[in-house]
């Protein structure tokens, strides 16, 4: 049992205006932690602490390479605590242990990467002719609010906080109420690495109370949000009340396009991983599989064999698939099985665990849906669960049309051995990332990530992420000799 305080201005706060919340292990349903729930008073205190750190704190006075050393130290400490954080994350979020280890490793990589960027944020010199000098300066935007989802809390904290700190911002972290535990470990690591008090603040609580209060607070200068479209719209409306910029990473219904010439021995595990990782609770999950008609039956047979052979179990035992986040979300996914039965035919996968100690866990079965068109609900709505809709196509043009016929545009995958086809199809897909003969590249922190359409706007990761946390200032001097 863990008791998680708020961390504001470097101090732990063990009592909040909104009482105490509980965190449960999705594998067993048991309470594994309690966390202080903040109210309006704590929101104001967190914003005040972050503002003071930004306006008066030592972070802005450090030379860029000095900031880089502290950021690199954060990455080192994350790796030193790798085992403990991964086990905590598996227990709190329900992801298999191997995925939790990946999450911790990826978080460390973000700090390694942006530590190396800290002293390389160059401006530009702009020629205006004789007697003029003009250049740009990249200023930190100010106090950055990070609203974190429950599916990859530790990794997504690092993904936004690392570039924000590199740019010179102060930060407020608001984790999801379902997964509050690892955020506390993160902030403690930041303190141990030498980050000044108030530079990173942790405030837990109900989104309907403090999420709205934080997003609409006049002391917030920028918001980074990852979550659902409806909640994202709510955050944007709050941010609009004081005209601040937002990074929005929202939902997805990502297509994977598999051509008949693909190497199925390599493609099938990639397709399966694309919709089964973390029980499908991934914003970029590849939950629409478009298959060239000539290969459709073979692909379905192989995928069905794959999901039938899976084992489902407790996250800390590192099964093929763990539980979903809670009973409520389990019921939401189960409702889509009824939708799938109306829209097409369901092919079931692994059986639910039978161990008595897991009887209260939030487990669901993976499934394939065949015989449904791209116009059906099962093919268009984000389920956030391990359900794959398989849709046949005949031509490259039809595959592109179906793939782009979606309200979302986060990522896409193309499986083919024809390089011309891979490049041609990839160029026409309306998605923020296109994977060819892959669906992810390990610890992929180096290149930008974000979506088109309802999948959001702005880019996380890579050098492009820094722009969200910076203002560009132009300085122009007229210096005639006479």
Protein backbone atom coordinates (compact mmCIF):
# COMPACT_ATOMS: atom_id res chain seq x y z
CA UNK A 1 0.00 0.00 0.00
CA UNK A 2 1.41 3.36 -1.07
CA UNK A 3 0.28 6.79 0.12
CA UNK A 4 0.89 9.46 -2.50
CA UNK A 5 1.05 13.13 -1.44
CA UNK A 6 0.94 16.20 -3.62
CA UNK A 7 4.34 17.75 -4.38
CA UNK A 8 4.15 21.52 -4.69
CA UNK A 9 7.13 23.86 -4.57
CA UNK A 10 9.36 21.01 -3.40
CA UNK A 11 7.14 20.19 -0.40
CA UNK A 12 4.94 17.16 0.20
CA UNK A 13 1.30 17.89 1.04
CA UNK A 14 -0.51 15.03 2.76
CA UNK A 15 -3.98 16.56 3.04
CA UNK A 16 -6.03 17.92 0.15
CA UNK A 17 -9.28 19.83 -0.24
CA UNK A 18 -10.99 16.91 -1.99
CA UNK A 19 -10.12 14.04 0.31
CA UNK A 20 -8.36 10.84 -0.71
CA UNK A 21 -8.60 8.64 -3.81
CA UNK A 22 -7.71 4.98 -4.34
CA UNK A 23 -5.71 3.19 -7.01
CA UNK A 24 -6.52 -0.44 -7.80
CA UNK A 25 -4.53 -3.22 -9.45
CA UNK A 26 -6.48 -4.02 -12.67
CA UNK A 27 -5.33 -7.65 -12.45
CA UNK A 28 -6.94 -8.29 -9.06
CA UNK A 29 -9.17 -5.33 -8.28
CA UNK A 30 -7.33 -4.79 -4.99
CA UNK A 31 -6.47 -1.33 -3.66
CA UNK A 32 -2.70 -0.80 -3.94
CA UNK A 33 -2.42 2.90 -3.21
CA UNK A 34 -4.12 6.00 -1.88
CA UNK A 35 -3.50 9.49 -3.14
CA UNK A 36 -4.30 12.98 -1.91
CA UNK A 37 -6.95 14.65 -4.09
CA UNK A 38 -6.38 18.33 -4.64
CA UNK A 39 -8.99 21.07 -4.83
CA UNK A 40 -8.98 24.71 -5.85
CA UNK A 41 -6.63 25.78 -3.05
CA UNK A 42 -3.96 23.28 -4.10
CA UNK A 43 -4.40 24.21 -7.77
CA UNK A 44 -3.66 27.84 -6.95
CA UNK A 45 -0.67 26.81 -4.82
CA UNK A 46 0.77 24.63 -7.62
CA UNK A 47 0.42 27.38 -10.22
CA UNK A 48 1.95 29.91 -7.83
CA UNK A 49 4.91 27.60 -7.14
CA UNK A 50 5.49 26.93 -10.84
CA UNK A 51 5.21 30.63 -11.67
CA UNK A 52 7.70 31.55 -8.94
CA UNK A 53 10.12 28.89 -10.17
CA UNK A 54 9.85 30.19 -13.73
CA UNK A 55 10.06 33.90 -12.94
CA UNK A 56 12.52 33.86 -10.03
CA UNK A 57 14.04 30.39 -9.77
CA UNK A 58 17.59 29.34 -10.67
CA UNK A 59 16.65 27.17 -13.67
CA UNK A 60 16.55 30.12 -16.09
CA UNK A 61 19.88 31.36 -14.79
CA UNK A 62 21.72 28.10 -15.44
CA UNK A 63 23.80 27.81 -18.58
CA UNK A 64 22.24 25.39 -21.09
CA UNK A 65 24.89 22.71 -20.58
CA UNK A 66 24.27 22.84 -16.83
CA UNK A 67 20.58 22.16 -17.41
CA UNK A 68 21.60 19.31 -19.70
CA UNK A 69 23.64 17.67 -16.95
CA UNK A 70 20.68 17.68 -14.55
CA UNK A 71 18.39 16.28 -17.24
CA UNK A 72 20.89 13.53 -17.97
CA UNK A 73 21.06 12.74 -14.26
CA UNK A 74 17.27 12.29 -14.23
CA UNK A 75 17.63 9.70 -17.01
CA UNK A 76 20.36 7.89 -15.07
CA UNK A 77 18.27 7.73 -11.91
CA UNK A 78 15.29 6.39 -13.84
CA UNK A 79 17.44 3.51 -15.10
CA UNK A 80 18.85 2.88 -11.62
CA UNK A 81 15.26 2.38 -10.39
CA UNK A 82 14.19 0.48 -13.51
CA UNK A 83 13.03 -2.70 -11.78
CA UNK A 84 11.03 -0.99 -9.05
CA UNK A 85 9.31 1.48 -11.40
CA UNK A 86 8.46 -1.19 -13.99
CA UNK A 87 6.88 -3.47 -11.36
CA UNK A 88 4.94 -0.55 -9.94
CA UNK A 89 3.72 0.49 -13.39
CA UNK A 90 2.64 -3.06 -14.29
CA UNK A 91 0.68 -3.33 -11.06
CA UNK A 92 -0.90 0.14 -11.34
CA UNK A 93 -1.80 0.14 -15.06
CA UNK A 94 -2.17 -3.58 -15.84
CA UNK A 95 0.35 -3.75 -18.67
CA UNK A 96 2.54 -6.87 -18.93
CA UNK A 97 5.88 -6.49 -17.18
CA UNK A 98 7.92 -6.43 -20.41
CA UNK A 99 5.85 -3.45 -21.64
CA UNK A 100 6.39 -1.71 -18.29
CA UNK A 101 10.16 -2.16 -18.66
CA UNK A 102 9.93 -0.65 -22.15
CA UNK A 103 8.04 2.29 -20.70
CA UNK A 104 10.73 2.99 -18.12
CA UNK A 105 13.53 2.63 -20.68
CA UNK A 106 11.73 5.01 -23.03
CA UNK A 107 11.29 7.57 -20.25
CA UNK A 108 15.03 7.50 -19.58
CA UNK A 109 15.75 7.91 -23.29
CA UNK A 110 13.69 11.10 -23.43
CA UNK A 111 15.90 12.68 -20.79
CA UNK A 112 19.08 11.43 -22.45
CA UNK A 113 17.91 12.81 -25.79
CA UNK A 114 16.79 16.24 -24.61
CA UNK A 115 19.79 16.60 -22.30
CA UNK A 116 21.89 16.50 -25.46
CA UNK A 117 19.73 19.18 -27.06
CA UNK A 118 19.86 21.62 -24.15
CA UNK A 119 22.88 23.58 -25.44
CA UNK A 120 21.99 23.34 -29.15
CA UNK A 121 18.83 25.45 -29.40
CA UNK A 122 20.06 27.98 -31.92
CA UNK A 123 18.29 31.05 -33.25
CA UNK A 124 18.62 32.49 -36.76
CA UNK A 125 20.35 35.52 -38.22
CA UNK A 126 18.16 37.30 -40.76
CA UNK A 127 19.82 39.59 -43.39
CA UNK A 128 18.06 42.95 -43.81
CA UNK A 129 20.82 44.82 -45.61
CA UNK A 130 23.41 47.44 -44.53
CA UNK A 131 22.96 49.16 -41.17
CA UNK A 132 20.64 46.46 -39.82
CA UNK A 133 21.17 43.42 -37.60
CA UNK A 134 18.31 41.01 -36.99
CA UNK A 135 18.12 37.68 -35.18
CA UNK A 136 15.71 35.36 -33.39
CA UNK A 137 15.79 34.13 -29.80
CA UNK A 138 13.93 31.08 -28.43
CA UNK A 139 12.37 31.97 -25.09
CA UNK A 140 10.71 29.45 -22.76
CA UNK A 141 6.93 29.81 -22.94
CA UNK A 142 6.43 29.75 -19.16
CA UNK A 143 4.36 27.43 -16.94
CA UNK A 144 3.49 24.21 -18.78
CA UNK A 145 0.60 21.98 -17.65
CA UNK A 146 0.83 18.26 -18.49
CA UNK A 147 -2.41 16.27 -18.29
CA UNK A 148 -1.40 12.60 -18.38
CA UNK A 149 -3.52 9.57 -19.42
CA UNK A 150 -3.61 6.24 -17.61
CA UNK A 151 -2.28 3.93 -20.32
CA UNK A 152 1.44 4.91 -20.30
CA UNK A 153 1.73 7.36 -17.39
CA UNK A 154 5.46 7.21 -16.65
CA UNK A 155 6.56 7.34 -20.27
CA UNK A 156 4.13 10.11 -21.24
CA UNK A 157 5.17 12.25 -18.30
CA UNK A 158 8.77 12.04 -19.52
CA UNK A 159 7.78 12.62 -23.14
CA UNK A 160 6.39 16.06 -22.36
CA UNK A 161 8.32 17.15 -19.28
CA UNK A 162 11.80 16.50 -20.73
CA UNK A 163 11.47 18.93 -23.68
CA UNK A 164 9.58 21.43 -21.49
CA UNK A 165 12.46 21.53 -19.01
CA UNK A 166 14.99 21.67 -21.83
CA UNK A 167 13.23 24.75 -23.19
CA UNK A 168 13.37 26.36 -19.73
CA UNK A 169 9.74 25.96 -18.61
CA UNK A 170 8.42 25.07 -15.19
CA UNK A 171 5.92 22.22 -15.09
CA UNK A 172 2.75 21.03 -13.38
CA UNK A 173 1.89 17.32 -13.77
CA UNK A 174 -1.73 16.20 -13.42
CA UNK A 175 -1.82 12.35 -13.66
CA UNK A 176 -4.91 10.26 -14.32
CA UNK A 177 -6.76 9.15 -11.19
CA UNK A 178 -6.47 5.52 -12.35
CA UNK A 179 -2.65 5.54 -12.35
CA UNK A 180 -1.26 8.02 -9.79
CA UNK A 181 1.60 5.99 -8.35
CA UNK A 182 4.57 6.33 -10.71
CA UNK A 183 4.23 10.11 -11.11
CA UNK A 184 5.30 10.52 -7.49
CA UNK A 185 8.40 8.39 -8.14
CA UNK A 186 9.16 10.58 -11.16
CA UNK A 187 9.03 13.86 -9.25
CA UNK A 188 11.15 12.43 -6.41
CA UNK A 189 13.79 11.48 -9.01
CA UNK A 190 13.71 15.03 -10.39
CA UNK A 191 14.34 16.40 -6.91
CA UNK A 192 17.20 13.99 -6.27
CA UNK A 193 18.81 14.92 -9.60
CA UNK A 194 19.00 18.56 -8.51
CA UNK A 195 15.98 20.12 -10.17
CA UNK A 196 15.08 23.32 -8.26
CA UNK A 197 12.00 23.40 -6.01
CA UNK A 198 8.85 24.26 -7.92
CA UNK A 199 10.33 23.45 -11.31
CA UNK A 200 8.19 20.27 -11.45
CA UNK A 201 5.02 20.00 -9.36
CA UNK A 202 2.65 17.06 -8.88
CA UNK A 203 -1.06 17.55 -8.31
CA UNK A 204 -3.46 14.59 -8.22
CA UNK A 205 -7.23 14.77 -8.23
CA UNK A 206 -10.44 14.45 -10.16
CA UNK A 207 -10.30 15.78 -13.70
CA UNK A 208 -13.77 17.27 -13.41
CA UNK A 209 -12.54 19.40 -10.52
CA UNK A 210 -8.85 20.22 -10.84
CA UNK A 211 -8.40 19.40 -14.53
CA UNK A 212 -10.83 22.15 -15.48
CA UNK A 213 -9.43 24.51 -12.86
CA UNK A 214 -5.86 24.03 -14.08
CA UNK A 215 -6.66 24.30 -17.80
CA UNK A 216 -8.59 27.55 -17.30
CA UNK A 217 -6.14 29.06 -14.80
CA UNK A 218 -4.69 32.37 -15.97
CA UNK A 219 -1.30 31.39 -14.57
CA UNK A 220 -0.88 28.52 -17.06
CA UNK A 221 0.95 29.43 -20.28
CA UNK A 222 0.75 26.16 -22.24
CA UNK A 223 -0.98 22.76 -22.03
CA UNK A 224 0.18 19.34 -23.22
CA UNK A 225 -2.73 16.90 -23.22
CA UNK A 226 -3.02 13.23 -24.18
CA UNK A 227 -6.42 11.58 -23.97
CA UNK A 228 -9.84 11.21 -25.54
CA UNK A 229 -11.39 13.56 -28.07
CA UNK A 230 -14.26 14.68 -25.78
CA UNK A 231 -11.90 15.50 -22.91
CA UNK A 232 -9.51 17.19 -25.35
CA UNK A 233 -12.32 19.43 -26.57
CA UNK A 234 -13.05 20.39 -22.98
CA UNK A 235 -9.40 21.25 -22.35
CA UNK A 236 -9.25 23.34 -25.54
CA UNK A 237 -12.30 25.36 -24.53
CA UNK A 238 -10.72 26.06 -21.14
CA UNK A 239 -7.42 27.03 -22.77
CA UNK A 240 -9.24 29.33 -25.19
CA UNK A 241 -10.53 31.35 -22.23
CA UNK A 242 -7.05 32.83 -21.88
CA UNK A 243 -5.67 32.16 -25.37
CA UNK A 244 -2.85 29.75 -24.61
CA UNK A 245 -1.38 27.16 -27.03
CA UNK A 246 -1.93 23.42 -26.60
CA UNK A 247 -0.31 20.20 -27.74
CA UNK A 248 -3.18 17.76 -28.30
CA UNK A 249 -2.64 14.03 -28.82
CA UNK A 250 -6.08 12.49 -29.05
CA UNK A 251 -7.63 9.30 -30.39
CA UNK A 252 -6.99 6.95 -33.28
CA UNK A 253 -8.46 4.22 -35.45
CA UNK A 254 -5.24 3.45 -37.22
CA UNK A 255 -5.11 1.37 -40.41
CA UNK A 256 -2.62 -1.35 -41.22
CA UNK A 257 -2.52 -2.17 -44.93
CA UNK A 258 -1.32 -5.65 -45.81
CA UNK A 259 -0.67 -6.52 -49.46
CA UNK A 260 -0.61 -10.03 -50.88
CA UNK A 261 3.14 -9.88 -51.51
CA UNK A 262 3.98 -9.22 -47.83
CA UNK A 263 6.09 -11.70 -45.87
CA UNK A 264 3.35 -13.07 -43.61
CA UNK A 265 5.75 -14.68 -41.15
CA UNK A 266 7.05 -11.18 -40.38
CA UNK A 267 3.84 -9.24 -40.91
CA UNK A 268 1.45 -11.25 -38.73
CA UNK A 269 3.30 -10.63 -35.42
CA UNK A 270 3.52 -6.92 -36.29
CA UNK A 271 -0.18 -6.71 -37.09
CA UNK A 272 -1.03 -8.61 -33.90
CA UNK A 273 1.19 -6.41 -31.77
CA UNK A 274 -0.39 -3.37 -33.39
CA UNK A 275 -3.78 -4.07 -31.84
CA UNK A 276 -2.94 -6.26 -28.82
CA UNK A 277 -0.20 -4.26 -27.06
CA UNK A 278 -1.45 -3.24 -23.60
CA UNK A 279 -4.78 -4.94 -24.46
CA UNK A 280 -5.36 -2.44 -27.25
CA UNK A 281 -5.29 0.52 -24.86
CA UNK A 282 -2.96 2.51 -27.07
CA UNK A 283 -3.91 5.68 -28.95
CA UNK A 284 -2.05 4.56 -32.08
CA UNK A 285 -3.28 0.95 -32.00
CA UNK A 286 -3.64 -0.51 -35.50
CA UNK A 287 -7.24 -1.66 -35.09
CA UNK A 288 -8.25 -1.63 -38.76
CA UNK A 289 -6.51 -4.24 -40.92
CA UNK A 290 -6.97 -3.72 -44.64
CA UNK A 291 -5.97 -6.93 -46.47
CA UNK A 292 -5.59 -7.49 -50.19
CA UNK A 293 -8.43 -9.84 -51.06
CA UNK A 294 -6.16 -12.56 -52.46
CA UNK A 295 -4.50 -12.92 -49.03
CA UNK A 296 -7.54 -12.25 -46.84
CA UNK A 297 -8.42 -15.81 -45.81
CA UNK A 298 -4.79 -16.83 -45.15
CA UNK A 299 -4.20 -13.72 -43.04
CA UNK A 300 -7.38 -14.20 -41.00
CA UNK A 301 -6.50 -17.86 -40.38
CA UNK A 302 -3.00 -16.99 -39.15
CA UNK A 303 -4.21 -14.12 -36.97
CA UNK A 304 -6.95 -16.23 -35.47
CA UNK A 305 -4.42 -18.94 -34.62
CA UNK A 306 -2.20 -16.28 -33.04
CA UNK A 307 -4.86 -14.88 -30.71
CA UNK A 308 -6.23 -18.33 -29.82
CA UNK A 309 -2.75 -19.35 -28.60
CA UNK A 310 -2.33 -16.32 -26.33
CA UNK A 311 -2.45 -16.46 -22.56
CA UNK A 312 -4.14 -13.78 -20.46
CA UNK A 313 -3.11 -13.19 -16.87
CA UNK A 314 -1.80 -10.93 -14.15
CA UNK A 315 0.38 -8.13 -15.47
CA UNK A 316 3.24 -8.84 -13.05
CA UNK A 317 3.49 -12.40 -14.45
CA UNK A 318 4.22 -10.94 -17.91
CA UNK A 319 1.45 -12.73 -19.88
CA UNK A 320 0.80 -12.27 -23.58
CA UNK A 321 -1.96 -9.86 -22.57
CA UNK A 322 -2.90 -8.37 -19.22
CA UNK A 323 -6.14 -6.76 -18.03
CA UNK A 324 -7.67 -3.48 -19.14
CA UNK A 325 -7.54 -0.55 -16.76
CA UNK A 326 -10.71 -1.18 -14.72
CA UNK A 327 -14.14 -2.81 -14.62
CA UNK A 328 -15.85 0.18 -16.18
CA UNK A 329 -13.59 0.10 -19.22
CA UNK A 330 -13.98 -3.68 -19.42
CA UNK A 331 -17.74 -3.17 -19.68
CA UNK A 332 -17.27 -0.52 -22.36
CA UNK A 333 -15.17 -2.91 -24.47
CA UNK A 334 -17.69 -5.73 -23.89
CA UNK A 335 -20.43 -3.53 -25.32
CA UNK A 336 -18.48 -3.43 -28.58
CA UNK A 337 -18.64 -7.21 -28.85
CA UNK A 338 -22.39 -6.75 -29.34
CA UNK A 339 -21.72 -4.05 -31.93
CA UNK A 340 -19.26 -6.36 -33.72
CA UNK A 341 -21.80 -9.21 -33.81
CA UNK A 342 -24.23 -6.90 -35.62
CA UNK A 343 -21.64 -5.40 -37.98
CA UNK A 344 -19.85 -8.66 -38.90
CA UNK A 345 -18.66 -11.98 -37.47
CA UNK A 346 -16.54 -12.30 -34.31
CA UNK A 347 -13.60 -14.72 -34.17
CA UNK A 348 -12.62 -15.14 -30.52
CA UNK A 349 -9.12 -15.39 -29.13
CA UNK A 350 -7.62 -16.42 -25.78
CA UNK A 351 -9.75 -17.58 -22.88
CA UNK A 352 -10.14 -15.47 -19.74
CA UNK A 353 -7.95 -16.47 -16.77
CA UNK A 354 -9.49 -18.99 -14.39
CA UNK A 355 -7.24 -18.44 -11.34
CA UNK A 356 -9.40 -17.55 -8.31
CA UNK A 357 -7.12 -14.68 -7.31
CA UNK A 358 -7.79 -13.03 -10.69
CA UNK A 359 -11.59 -13.38 -10.54
CA UNK A 360 -12.00 -9.65 -9.81
CA UNK A 361 -9.59 -8.56 -12.55
CA UNK A 362 -10.65 -6.44 -15.52
CA UNK A 363 -9.92 -9.00 -18.24
CA UNK A 364 -11.31 -9.12 -21.79
CA UNK A 365 -10.79 -11.48 -24.71
CA UNK A 366 -9.04 -10.44 -27.94
CA UNK A 367 -11.15 -10.78 -31.07
CA UNK A 368 -11.13 -10.42 -34.83
CA UNK A 369 -14.12 -9.03 -36.70
CA UNK A 370 -14.57 -10.12 -40.31
CA UNK A 371 -17.28 -9.30 -42.81
CA UNK A 372 -17.70 -5.69 -41.61
CA UNK A 373 -17.27 -2.75 -43.97
CA UNK A 374 -15.36 0.42 -43.20
CA UNK A 375 -18.69 2.21 -42.74
CA UNK A 376 -19.74 0.19 -39.68
CA UNK A 377 -19.41 1.39 -36.09
CA UNK A 378 -16.90 -1.34 -35.24
CA UNK A 379 -14.60 0.01 -37.97
CA UNK A 380 -15.01 3.70 -37.18
CA UNK A 381 -15.17 4.17 -33.40
CA UNK A 382 -12.15 4.04 -31.13
CA UNK A 383 -12.69 1.10 -28.76
CA UNK A 384 -9.42 1.24 -26.82
CA UNK A 385 -9.47 -2.53 -26.55
CA UNK A 386 -8.11 -5.65 -28.33
CA UNK A 387 -10.58 -5.84 -31.21
CA UNK A 388 -9.32 -5.88 -34.81
CA UNK A 389 -11.62 -5.27 -37.78
CA UNK A 390 -10.39 -6.99 -40.97
CA UNK A 391 -11.48 -5.39 -44.25
CA UNK A 392 -10.59 -6.69 -47.75
CA UNK A 393 -9.54 -4.48 -50.68
CA UNK A 394 -8.66 -5.09 -54.33
CA UNK A 395 -6.46 -2.18 -55.48
CA UNK A 396 -3.91 0.20 -54.03
CA UNK A 397 -6.28 3.10 -54.67
CA UNK A 398 -9.07 1.37 -52.75
CA UNK A 399 -6.73 0.63 -49.85
CA UNK A 400 -5.70 4.30 -49.64
CA UNK A 401 -9.32 5.45 -49.83
CA UNK A 402 -10.44 3.11 -47.03
CA UNK A 403 -7.43 3.94 -44.85
CA UNK A 404 -8.07 7.69 -45.15
CA UNK A 405 -11.84 7.34 -44.68
CA UNK A 406 -11.72 7.93 -40.94
CA UNK A 407 -12.22 10.78 -38.51
CA UNK A 408 -8.74 10.02 -37.17
CA UNK A 409 -5.25 10.17 -38.63
CA UNK A 410 -2.65 9.27 -36.03
CA UNK A 411 -0.52 6.48 -37.56
CA UNK A 412 -0.69 3.92 -40.36
CA UNK A 413 1.18 0.77 -41.34
CA UNK A 414 2.00 -0.66 -44.78
CA UNK A 415 3.15 -4.27 -45.22
CA UNK A 416 4.62 -5.09 -48.64
CA UNK A 417 7.86 -6.19 -50.30
CA UNK A 418 7.32 -3.78 -53.21
CA UNK A 419 9.30 -0.61 -52.48
CA UNK A 420 7.46 1.47 -55.09
CA UNK A 421 4.14 0.48 -53.58
CA UNK A 422 5.36 1.16 -50.05
CA UNK A 423 6.54 4.68 -50.91
CA UNK A 424 3.57 5.49 -53.12
CA UNK A 425 0.92 4.34 -50.68
CA UNK A 426 2.71 5.89 -47.71
CA UNK A 427 2.82 9.27 -49.42
CA UNK A 428 -0.96 9.32 -49.84
CA UNK A 429 -1.91 8.30 -46.30
CA UNK A 430 -3.31 11.07 -44.10
CA UNK A 431 -1.54 10.14 -40.89
CA UNK A 432 1.14 11.66 -38.69
CA UNK A 433 3.38 8.59 -38.87
CA UNK A 434 3.56 5.88 -41.52
CA UNK A 435 5.33 2.61 -40.72
CA UNK A 436 6.50 0.35 -43.56
CA UNK A 437 7.02 -3.33 -42.68
CA UNK A 438 6.96 -2.33 -39.01
CA UNK A 439 4.63 -0.81 -36.46
CA UNK A 440 6.99 0.97 -34.10
CA UNK A 441 10.75 1.21 -33.68
CA UNK A 442 11.71 0.30 -30.13
CA UNK A 443 12.62 3.37 -28.07
CA UNK A 444 11.52 5.78 -30.77
CA UNK A 445 12.12 9.16 -29.11
CA UNK A 446 13.98 10.78 -32.00
CA UNK A 447 11.24 11.53 -34.53
CA UNK A 448 8.02 13.56 -34.27
CA UNK A 449 4.72 11.99 -33.24
CA UNK A 450 1.24 13.43 -33.64
CA UNK A 451 -1.86 13.21 -35.76
CA UNK A 452 -4.14 14.64 -38.41
CA UNK A 453 -7.87 15.36 -38.07
CA UNK A 454 -9.45 14.32 -34.73
CA UNK A 455 -6.17 12.71 -33.68
CA UNK A 456 -5.04 16.16 -32.60
CA UNK A 457 -2.34 18.67 -33.47
CA UNK A 458 1.18 19.57 -32.43
CA UNK A 459 4.06 17.13 -32.28
CA UNK A 460 5.64 15.21 -29.44
CA UNK A 461 9.13 13.69 -29.49
CA UNK A 462 12.13 14.65 -31.59
CA UNK A 463 13.41 18.18 -32.09
CA UNK A 464 9.95 19.30 -33.24
CA UNK A 465 8.59 18.83 -29.70
CA UNK A 466 10.64 21.74 -28.38
CA UNK A 467 8.60 24.26 -30.36
CA UNK A 468 5.56 23.67 -28.13
CA UNK A 469 7.47 25.06 -25.16
CA UNK A 470 9.11 28.06 -26.80
CA UNK A 471 8.24 31.55 -27.97
CA UNK A 472 10.19 32.96 -30.90
CA UNK A 473 11.34 36.50 -30.27
CA UNK A 474 12.77 38.63 -33.08
CA UNK A 475 15.31 41.35 -32.23
CA UNK A 476 16.07 44.02 -34.81
CA UNK A 477 18.70 46.77 -34.49
CA UNK A 478 19.22 49.76 -36.77
CA UNK A 479 22.85 50.88 -36.51
CA UNK A 480 23.77 53.40 -39.25
CA UNK A 481 27.24 54.89 -39.11
CA UNK A 482 25.79 58.40 -39.47
